[in-house]
Amino acid sequence: MSAALYRLIKNHLFGEEERYNGRVVYTETMSFDDIVDLMMYHGSTVTRADIMAVTEDLIKAIIMAVLLGKRVVTPFGIYGLRVTGPFYGPEDTFEDGRNEVLGSVRGSAEFHAAIDKQVTLTKHRPGVRRPSPLTCKNFFKDAPDTELSPGHTARVYGELLRFDPEDPDQGIFLIPTENGSGALNGVEVVRVEEVTRTTASQATFLVPPDLVPGDYILEVRTRLSQKNLRAGQLEQVLTVAAA
């Protein structure tokens, strides 16, 4: 498991004294859809539709309980209310505009215990941000994940994978190679044209039906800013077997 990253920020409250505060550096922000994708990737025994439906009902039930003045304790969070703003004397009452009631969410005991026991930290060394494809899944029957099956669906998992499929410079590119030693000279790089879904952590695509047998390097290209095009390659070489 990768370590979490942190960096140091100078604390200016101490004047000339060299004192710094640690701050976590997040590599990406994951949505609920991304978390469900992660569950499915690790072999969830329930379907995506079931997860979404149960979660929607769970959220409604938690909100209903909190609105009734209950404190809700779950394995993934503790939910409640808090009141802000001043009160002037023991007989004072809540006043709109001066006081406000807000939702309160904090980590559960299970969450904090997992962090205490399992998290590892590595100091962040600034570098060039780029897509990082980590694994590829072949969805055609029992085909191994080291192969691409022309005309069938595959999915690449990793970090910073989101791209604009309408930009011809961005996307998933299959680079013909020999023994993974780099691109073959004079051989055309294949851009994947049919991409059904992209998020920061995954991209689902149709392997080109006319992809010729051979070895390929999968490369994701994306613009992490308006000007700069970044690319990252899957370490595992993927093979299209001869028919």
C-alpha atoms as a PDB file:
ATOM      1  CA  MET A   1       0.000   0.000   0.000  1.00  0.00           C
ATOM      2  CA  SER A   2       1.339   3.445  -0.918  1.00  0.00           C
ATOM      3  CA  ALA A   3       2.229   5.843   1.851  1.00  0.00           C
ATOM      4  CA  ALA A   4       0.386   9.095   2.472  1.00  0.00           C
ATOM      5  CA  LEU A   5       2.368  12.236   1.676  1.00  0.00           C
ATOM      6  CA  TYR A   6       3.050  15.303   3.786  1.00  0.00           C
ATOM      7  CA  ARG A   7       4.879  18.602   3.356  1.00  0.00           C
ATOM      8  CA  LEU A   8       6.114  21.305   5.725  1.00  0.00           C
ATOM      9  CA  ILE A   9       4.632  24.813   5.971  1.00  0.00           C
ATOM     10  CA  LYS A  10       6.508  27.538   7.854  1.00  0.00           C
ATOM     11  CA  ASN A  11       4.658  28.758  10.953  1.00  0.00           C
ATOM     12  CA  HIS A  12       5.058  32.553  10.891  1.00  0.00           C
ATOM     13  CA  LEU A  13       3.583  33.014  14.373  1.00  0.00           C
ATOM     14  CA  PHE A  14       7.003  32.289  15.858  1.00  0.00           C
ATOM     15  CA  GLY A  15       8.814  35.129  14.103  1.00  0.00           C
ATOM     16  CA  GLU A  16      12.455  34.368  13.516  1.00  0.00           C
ATOM     17  CA  GLU A  17      12.257  30.923  15.094  1.00  0.00           C
ATOM     18  CA  GLU A  18      12.444  28.087  12.549  1.00  0.00           C
ATOM     19  CA  ARG A  19       9.208  26.229  13.214  1.00  0.00           C
ATOM     20  CA  TYR A  20       7.101  24.373  10.656  1.00  0.00           C
ATOM     21  CA  ASN A  21       3.748  22.580  10.606  1.00  0.00           C
ATOM     22  CA  GLY A  22       3.080  19.362   8.736  1.00  0.00           C
ATOM     23  CA  ARG A  23       0.312  19.254   6.154  1.00  0.00           C
ATOM     24  CA  VAL A  24      -0.987  16.230   4.244  1.00  0.00           C
ATOM     25  CA  VAL A  25      -0.604  16.344   0.453  1.00  0.00           C
ATOM     26  CA  TYR A  26      -3.535  14.595  -1.233  1.00  0.00           C
ATOM     27  CA  THR A  27      -2.707  12.959  -4.559  1.00  0.00           C
ATOM     28  CA  GLU A  28      -6.324  13.198  -5.730  1.00  0.00           C
ATOM     29  CA  THR A  29      -9.884  13.786  -4.571  1.00  0.00           C
ATOM     30  CA  MET A  30     -12.047  10.673  -4.896  1.00  0.00           C
ATOM     31  CA  SER A  31     -15.802  10.880  -5.399  1.00  0.00           C
ATOM     32  CA  PHE A  32     -18.319   8.371  -4.084  1.00  0.00           C
ATOM     33  CA  ASP A  33     -18.405   6.824  -7.575  1.00  0.00           C
ATOM     34  CA  ASP A  34     -14.638   6.341  -7.326  1.00  0.00           C
ATOM     35  CA  ILE A  35     -15.035   4.566  -3.974  1.00  0.00           C
ATOM     36  CA  VAL A  36     -17.678   2.254  -5.442  1.00  0.00           C
ATOM     37  CA  ASP A  37     -15.319   1.546  -8.351  1.00  0.00           C
ATOM     38  CA  LEU A  38     -12.648   0.618  -5.808  1.00  0.00           C
ATOM     39  CA  MET A  39     -15.062  -1.743  -4.079  1.00  0.00           C
ATOM     40  CA  MET A  40     -15.918  -3.417  -7.377  1.00  0.00           C
ATOM     41  CA  TYR A  41     -12.257  -3.714  -8.336  1.00  0.00           C
ATOM     42  CA  HIS A  42     -11.496  -5.531  -5.079  1.00  0.00           C
ATOM     43  CA  GLY A  43     -14.288  -8.039  -5.686  1.00  0.00           C
ATOM     44  CA  SER A  44     -17.418  -6.752  -3.956  1.00  0.00           C
ATOM     45  CA  THR A  45     -20.068  -9.455  -3.557  1.00  0.00           C
ATOM     46  CA  VAL A  46     -22.870  -6.979  -4.343  1.00  0.00           C
ATOM     47  CA  THR A  47     -23.591  -5.056  -7.517  1.00  0.00           C
ATOM     48  CA  ARG A  48     -22.918  -1.366  -8.148  1.00  0.00           C
ATOM     49  CA  ALA A  49     -26.677  -0.725  -8.359  1.00  0.00           C
ATOM     50  CA  ASP A  50     -27.229  -2.382  -4.957  1.00  0.00           C
ATOM     51  CA  ILE A  51     -24.448  -0.336  -3.355  1.00  0.00           C
ATOM     52  CA  MET A  52     -25.872   2.918  -4.726  1.00  0.00           C
ATOM     53  CA  ALA A  53     -29.434   2.065  -3.639  1.00  0.00           C
ATOM     54  CA  VAL A  54     -28.484   0.993  -0.100  1.00  0.00           C
ATOM     55  CA  THR A  55     -26.250   4.038   0.359  1.00  0.00           C
ATOM     56  CA  GLU A  56     -29.042   6.383  -0.692  1.00  0.00           C
ATOM     57  CA  ASP A  57     -31.390   4.789   1.860  1.00  0.00           C
ATOM     58  CA  LEU A  58     -28.685   4.912   4.528  1.00  0.00           C
ATOM     59  CA  ILE A  59     -28.038   8.622   3.979  1.00  0.00           C
ATOM     60  CA  LYS A  60     -31.769   9.382   4.186  1.00  0.00           C
ATOM     61  CA  ALA A  61     -32.067   7.426   7.448  1.00  0.00           C
ATOM     62  CA  ILE A  62     -29.065   9.188   9.005  1.00  0.00           C
ATOM     63  CA  ILE A  63     -30.417  12.639   8.054  1.00  0.00           C
ATOM     64  CA  MET A  64     -33.869  11.743   9.408  1.00  0.00           C
ATOM     65  CA  ALA A  65     -32.394  10.659  12.749  1.00  0.00           C
ATOM     66  CA  VAL A  66     -30.199  13.758  13.060  1.00  0.00           C
ATOM     67  CA  LEU A  67     -33.157  16.057  12.274  1.00  0.00           C
ATOM     68  CA  LEU A  68     -34.965  14.400  15.190  1.00  0.00           C
ATOM     69  CA  GLY A  69     -32.114  15.366  17.495  1.00  0.00           C
ATOM     70  CA  LYS A  70     -30.377  12.005  17.558  1.00  0.00           C
ATOM     71  CA  ARG A  71     -26.630  11.359  17.591  1.00  0.00           C
ATOM     72  CA  VAL A  72     -25.835   8.689  15.003  1.00  0.00           C
ATOM     73  CA  VAL A  73     -22.748   6.489  15.427  1.00  0.00           C
ATOM     74  CA  THR A  74     -21.711   4.331  12.451  1.00  0.00           C
ATOM     75  CA  PRO A  75     -18.515   2.437  11.565  1.00  0.00           C
ATOM     76  CA  PHE A  76     -17.546   5.205   9.142  1.00  0.00           C
ATOM     77  CA  GLY A  77     -18.603   8.373  10.952  1.00  0.00           C
ATOM     78  CA  ILE A  78     -20.446  10.033  13.838  1.00  0.00           C
ATOM     79  CA  TYR A  79     -23.238  12.407  12.852  1.00  0.00           C
ATOM     80  CA  GLY A  80     -25.014  15.082  14.881  1.00  0.00           C
ATOM     81  CA  LEU A  81     -25.707  18.796  15.276  1.00  0.00           C
ATOM     82  CA  ARG A  82     -23.899  21.764  16.799  1.00  0.00           C
ATOM     83  CA  VAL A  83     -25.035  25.266  17.672  1.00  0.00           C
ATOM     84  CA  THR A  84     -22.878  28.334  16.996  1.00  0.00           C
ATOM     85  CA  GLY A  85     -23.087  31.992  17.980  1.00  0.00           C
ATOM     86  CA  PRO A  86     -23.204  33.703  21.397  1.00  0.00           C
ATOM     87  CA  PHE A  87     -25.895  33.431  24.088  1.00  0.00           C
ATOM     88  CA  TYR A  88     -26.250  36.181  26.695  1.00  0.00           C
ATOM     89  CA  GLY A  89     -27.260  34.624  29.968  1.00  0.00           C
ATOM     90  CA  PRO A  90     -28.741  31.270  31.030  1.00  0.00           C
ATOM     91  CA  GLU A  91     -32.297  32.269  29.998  1.00  0.00           C
ATOM     92  CA  ASP A  92     -31.351  33.391  26.480  1.00  0.00           C
ATOM     93  CA  THR A  93     -32.750  31.411  23.522  1.00  0.00           C
ATOM     94  CA  PHE A  94     -31.724  30.589  19.975  1.00  0.00           C
ATOM     95  CA  GLU A  95     -32.082  33.568  17.613  1.00  0.00           C
ATOM     96  CA  ASP A  96     -31.880  33.367  13.809  1.00  0.00           C
ATOM     97  CA  GLY A  97     -29.116  35.539  12.435  1.00  0.00           C
ATOM     98  CA  ARG A  98     -27.173  35.535  15.690  1.00  0.00           C
ATOM     99  CA  ASN A  99     -27.115  31.767  16.146  1.00  0.00           C
ATOM    100  CA  GLU A 100     -26.877  28.930  13.678  1.00  0.00           C
ATOM    101  CA  VAL A 101     -27.365  25.167  13.804  1.00  0.00           C
ATOM    102  CA  LEU A 102     -24.926  23.131  11.721  1.00  0.00           C
ATOM    103  CA  GLY A 103     -24.428  19.505  10.858  1.00  0.00           C
ATOM    104  CA  SER A 104     -21.507  17.805  12.579  1.00  0.00           C
ATOM    105  CA  VAL A 105     -19.524  14.866  11.161  1.00  0.00           C
ATOM    106  CA  ARG A 106     -16.377  13.311  12.578  1.00  0.00           C
ATOM    107  CA  GLY A 107     -14.488  10.079  12.162  1.00  0.00           C
ATOM    108  CA  SER A 108     -15.617   7.002  14.038  1.00  0.00           C
ATOM    109  CA  ALA A 109     -13.529   5.064  16.553  1.00  0.00           C
ATOM    110  CA  GLU A 110     -12.974   2.375  13.888  1.00  0.00           C
ATOM    111  CA  PHE A 111     -11.721   4.971  11.408  1.00  0.00           C
ATOM    112  CA  HIS A 112      -9.284   6.524  13.877  1.00  0.00           C
ATOM    113  CA  ALA A 113      -8.042   3.106  15.004  1.00  0.00           C
ATOM    114  CA  ALA A 114      -7.321   2.119  11.391  1.00  0.00           C
ATOM    115  CA  ILE A 115      -5.397   5.363  10.816  1.00  0.00           C
ATOM    116  CA  ASP A 116      -3.365   4.918  14.006  1.00  0.00           C
ATOM    117  CA  LYS A 117      -2.397   1.338  13.149  1.00  0.00           C
ATOM    118  CA  GLN A 118      -1.999   1.371   9.383  1.00  0.00           C
ATOM    119  CA  VAL A 119      -1.032   4.773   8.002  1.00  0.00           C
ATOM    120  CA  THR A 120       2.544   5.441   6.895  1.00  0.00           C
ATOM    121  CA  LEU A 121       3.850   8.847   5.900  1.00  0.00           C
ATOM    122  CA  THR A 122       6.425   9.881   3.324  1.00  0.00           C
ATOM    123  CA  LYS A 123       7.706  13.423   2.910  1.00  0.00           C
ATOM    124  CA  HIS A 124       6.509  14.939  -0.346  1.00  0.00           C
ATOM    125  CA  ARG A 125       9.214  15.823  -2.853  1.00  0.00           C
ATOM    126  CA  PRO A 126       7.738  18.210  -5.452  1.00  0.00           C
ATOM    127  CA  GLY A 127       7.935  16.884  -8.998  1.00  0.00           C
ATOM    128  CA  VAL A 128       6.059  16.843 -12.276  1.00  0.00           C
ATOM    129  CA  ARG A 129       2.450  15.700 -11.915  1.00  0.00           C
ATOM    130  CA  ARG A 130       1.464  13.167 -14.565  1.00  0.00           C
ATOM    131  CA  PRO A 131      -1.050  10.344 -15.119  1.00  0.00           C
ATOM    132  CA  SER A 132      -0.088   7.118 -13.394  1.00  0.00           C
ATOM    133  CA  PRO A 133      -1.692   3.976 -14.909  1.00  0.00           C
ATOM    134  CA  LEU A 134      -1.176   1.127 -12.437  1.00  0.00           C
ATOM    135  CA  THR A 135      -3.176  -1.911 -13.611  1.00  0.00           C
ATOM    136  CA  CYS A 136      -5.372  -2.963 -16.533  1.00  0.00           C
ATOM    137  CA  LYS A 137      -8.390  -5.280 -16.407  1.00  0.00           C
ATOM    138  CA  ASN A 138      -9.481  -7.376 -19.406  1.00  0.00           C
ATOM    139  CA  PHE A 139     -13.233  -8.089 -19.249  1.00  0.00           C
ATOM    140  CA  PHE A 140     -13.370 -10.618 -22.097  1.00  0.00           C
ATOM    141  CA  LYS A 141     -14.287 -14.031 -20.665  1.00  0.00           C
ATOM    142  CA  ASP A 142     -11.274 -15.592 -18.915  1.00  0.00           C
ATOM    143  CA  ALA A 143      -8.613 -13.651 -20.815  1.00  0.00           C
ATOM    144  CA  PRO A 144      -5.629 -12.696 -18.637  1.00  0.00           C
ATOM    145  CA  ASP A 145      -5.134  -9.073 -17.651  1.00  0.00           C
ATOM    146  CA  THR A 146      -1.783  -9.065 -19.445  1.00  0.00           C
ATOM    147  CA  GLU A 147      -3.661  -9.287 -22.754  1.00  0.00           C
ATOM    148  CA  LEU A 148      -5.861  -6.935 -24.755  1.00  0.00           C
ATOM    149  CA  SER A 149      -8.830  -8.501 -26.561  1.00  0.00           C
ATOM    150  CA  PRO A 150      -9.742  -6.551 -29.744  1.00  0.00           C
ATOM    151  CA  GLY A 151     -13.405  -5.552 -29.854  1.00  0.00           C
ATOM    152  CA  HIS A 152     -13.911  -6.079 -26.113  1.00  0.00           C
ATOM    153  CA  THR A 153     -13.916  -3.912 -22.993  1.00  0.00           C
ATOM    154  CA  ALA A 154     -10.929  -3.188 -20.804  1.00  0.00           C
ATOM    155  CA  ARG A 155     -10.346  -0.799 -17.911  1.00  0.00           C
ATOM    156  CA  VAL A 156      -7.184   0.901 -16.710  1.00  0.00           C
ATOM    157  CA  TYR A 157      -6.847   1.857 -13.031  1.00  0.00           C
ATOM    158  CA  GLY A 158      -4.462   4.390 -11.530  1.00  0.00           C
ATOM    159  CA  GLU A 159      -4.146   8.050 -10.555  1.00  0.00           C
ATOM    160  CA  LEU A 160      -4.788  11.319 -12.431  1.00  0.00           C
ATOM    161  CA  LEU A 161      -6.320   9.433 -15.361  1.00  0.00           C
ATOM    162  CA  ARG A 162      -9.179  11.818 -16.208  1.00  0.00           C
ATOM    163  CA  PHE A 163      -8.898  13.303 -19.707  1.00  0.00           C
ATOM    164  CA  ASP A 164     -11.015  15.062 -22.323  1.00  0.00           C
ATOM    165  CA  PRO A 165     -11.918  12.452 -24.989  1.00  0.00           C
ATOM    166  CA  GLU A 166     -12.803  15.254 -27.413  1.00  0.00           C
ATOM    167  CA  ASP A 167      -9.201  16.482 -27.438  1.00  0.00           C
ATOM    168  CA  PRO A 168      -7.255  14.335 -29.962  1.00  0.00           C
ATOM    169  CA  ASP A 169      -4.020  14.921 -28.021  1.00  0.00           C
ATOM    170  CA  GLN A 170      -5.516  13.374 -24.878  1.00  0.00           C
ATOM    171  CA  GLY A 171      -6.718   9.844 -24.227  1.00  0.00           C
ATOM    172  CA  ILE A 172      -5.488   6.265 -24.110  1.00  0.00           C
ATOM    173  CA  PHE A 173      -2.773   5.396 -26.598  1.00  0.00           C
ATOM    174  CA  LEU A 174      -1.434   1.942 -27.475  1.00  0.00           C
ATOM    175  CA  ILE A 175       2.214   2.078 -28.506  1.00  0.00           C
ATOM    176  CA  PRO A 176       3.563  -0.943 -30.415  1.00  0.00           C
ATOM    177  CA  THR A 177       6.726  -2.257 -28.745  1.00  0.00           C
ATOM    178  CA  GLU A 178       9.104  -5.174 -28.766  1.00  0.00           C
ATOM    179  CA  ASN A 179       9.873  -6.734 -25.375  1.00  0.00           C
ATOM    180  CA  GLY A 180       8.762  -3.510 -23.694  1.00  0.00           C
ATOM    181  CA  SER A 181      11.916  -1.713 -24.816  1.00  0.00           C
ATOM    182  CA  GLY A 182      10.145   1.373 -26.134  1.00  0.00           C
ATOM    183  CA  ALA A 183       8.154   2.338 -29.207  1.00  0.00           C
ATOM    184  CA  LEU A 184       8.936   0.621 -32.498  1.00  0.00           C
ATOM    185  CA  ASN A 185      10.323   2.988 -35.115  1.00  0.00           C
ATOM    186  CA  GLY A 186       8.009   3.702 -38.020  1.00  0.00           C
ATOM    187  CA  VAL A 187       4.989   1.969 -36.447  1.00  0.00           C
ATOM    188  CA  GLU A 188       1.867   4.061 -35.885  1.00  0.00           C
ATOM    189  CA  VAL A 189       0.666   4.672 -32.330  1.00  0.00           C
ATOM    190  CA  VAL A 190      -3.010   3.694 -31.905  1.00  0.00           C
ATOM    191  CA  ARG A 191      -5.361   6.101 -30.128  1.00  0.00           C
ATOM    192  CA  VAL A 192      -8.346   4.422 -28.465  1.00  0.00           C
ATOM    193  CA  GLU A 193     -11.474   6.030 -29.919  1.00  0.00           C
ATOM    194  CA  GLU A 194     -14.239   4.504 -27.774  1.00  0.00           C
ATOM    195  CA  VAL A 195     -13.968   5.486 -24.110  1.00  0.00           C
ATOM    196  CA  THR A 196     -17.147   4.933 -22.109  1.00  0.00           C
ATOM    197  CA  ARG A 197     -16.143   6.441 -18.776  1.00  0.00           C
ATOM    198  CA  THR A 198     -13.197   8.306 -17.256  1.00  0.00           C
ATOM    199  CA  THR A 199     -12.533   9.330 -13.662  1.00  0.00           C
ATOM    200  CA  ALA A 200      -9.383  10.298 -11.816  1.00  0.00           C
ATOM    201  CA  SER A 201      -8.838   6.659 -10.852  1.00  0.00           C
ATOM    202  CA  GLN A 202     -10.029   4.691 -13.895  1.00  0.00           C
ATOM    203  CA  ALA A 203     -10.880   4.748 -17.596  1.00  0.00           C
ATOM    204  CA  THR A 204     -13.080   2.169 -19.322  1.00  0.00           C
ATOM    205  CA  PHE A 205     -12.532   1.656 -23.051  1.00  0.00           C
ATOM    206  CA  LEU A 206     -13.164  -0.595 -26.031  1.00  0.00           C
ATOM    207  CA  VAL A 207     -10.017  -2.196 -27.387  1.00  0.00           C
ATOM    208  CA  PRO A 208      -9.889  -1.289 -31.125  1.00  0.00           C
ATOM    209  CA  PRO A 209     -11.362  -4.232 -33.079  1.00  0.00           C
ATOM    210  CA  ASP A 210      -8.654  -3.998 -35.751  1.00  0.00           C
ATOM    211  CA  LEU A 211      -5.717  -3.900 -33.338  1.00  0.00           C
ATOM    212  CA  VAL A 212      -3.033  -6.140 -34.835  1.00  0.00           C
ATOM    213  CA  PRO A 213      -1.321  -8.878 -32.792  1.00  0.00           C
ATOM    214  CA  GLY A 214       1.787  -7.845 -30.901  1.00  0.00           C
ATOM    215  CA  ASP A 215       2.994  -6.158 -27.724  1.00  0.00           C
ATOM    216  CA  TYR A 216       1.804  -2.703 -26.665  1.00  0.00           C
ATOM    217  CA  ILE A 217       2.625  -0.062 -24.084  1.00  0.00           C
ATOM    218  CA  LEU A 218      -0.538   1.578 -22.723  1.00  0.00           C
ATOM    219  CA  GLU A 219      -0.071   5.316 -22.279  1.00  0.00           C
ATOM    220  CA  VAL A 220      -2.540   7.848 -20.845  1.00  0.00           C
ATOM    221  CA  ARG A 221      -2.170  11.461 -21.964  1.00  0.00           C
ATOM    222  CA  THR A 222      -4.030  14.283 -20.270  1.00  0.00           C
ATOM    223  CA  ARG A 223      -3.844  18.020 -19.705  1.00  0.00           C
ATOM    224  CA  LEU A 224      -3.367  18.748 -16.009  1.00  0.00           C
ATOM    225  CA  SER A 225      -3.359  22.427 -16.936  1.00  0.00           C
ATOM    226  CA  GLN A 226      -4.566  24.304 -20.002  1.00  0.00           C
ATOM    227  CA  LYS A 227      -1.147  24.282 -21.658  1.00  0.00           C
ATOM    228  CA  ASN A 228       0.769  21.257 -20.445  1.00  0.00           C
ATOM    229  CA  LEU A 229       0.124  17.781 -21.846  1.00  0.00           C
ATOM    230  CA  ARG A 230       1.318  15.036 -19.489  1.00  0.00           C
ATOM    231  CA  ALA A 231       1.717  11.323 -20.177  1.00  0.00           C
ATOM    232  CA  GLY A 232       2.142   8.237 -18.025  1.00  0.00           C
ATOM    233  CA  GLN A 233       2.704   4.615 -19.054  1.00  0.00           C
ATOM    234  CA  LEU A 234       1.514   1.317 -17.635  1.00  0.00           C
ATOM    235  CA  GLU A 235       4.543  -0.667 -16.503  1.00  0.00           C
ATOM    236  CA  GLN A 236       3.031  -3.994 -17.619  1.00  0.00           C
ATOM    237  CA  VAL A 237       3.369  -4.603 -21.371  1.00  0.00           C
ATOM    238  CA  LEU A 238       0.056  -5.740 -22.857  1.00  0.00           C
ATOM    239  CA  THR A 239      -0.183  -8.360 -25.580  1.00  0.00           C
ATOM    240  CA  VAL A 240      -2.660  -8.905 -28.413  1.00  0.00           C
ATOM    241  CA  ALA A 241      -2.496 -12.624 -29.190  1.00  0.00           C
ATOM    242  CA  ALA A 242      -2.545 -13.893 -32.738  1.00  0.00           C
ATOM    243  CA  ALA A 243      -5.965 -15.212 -33.803  1.00  0.00           C
END
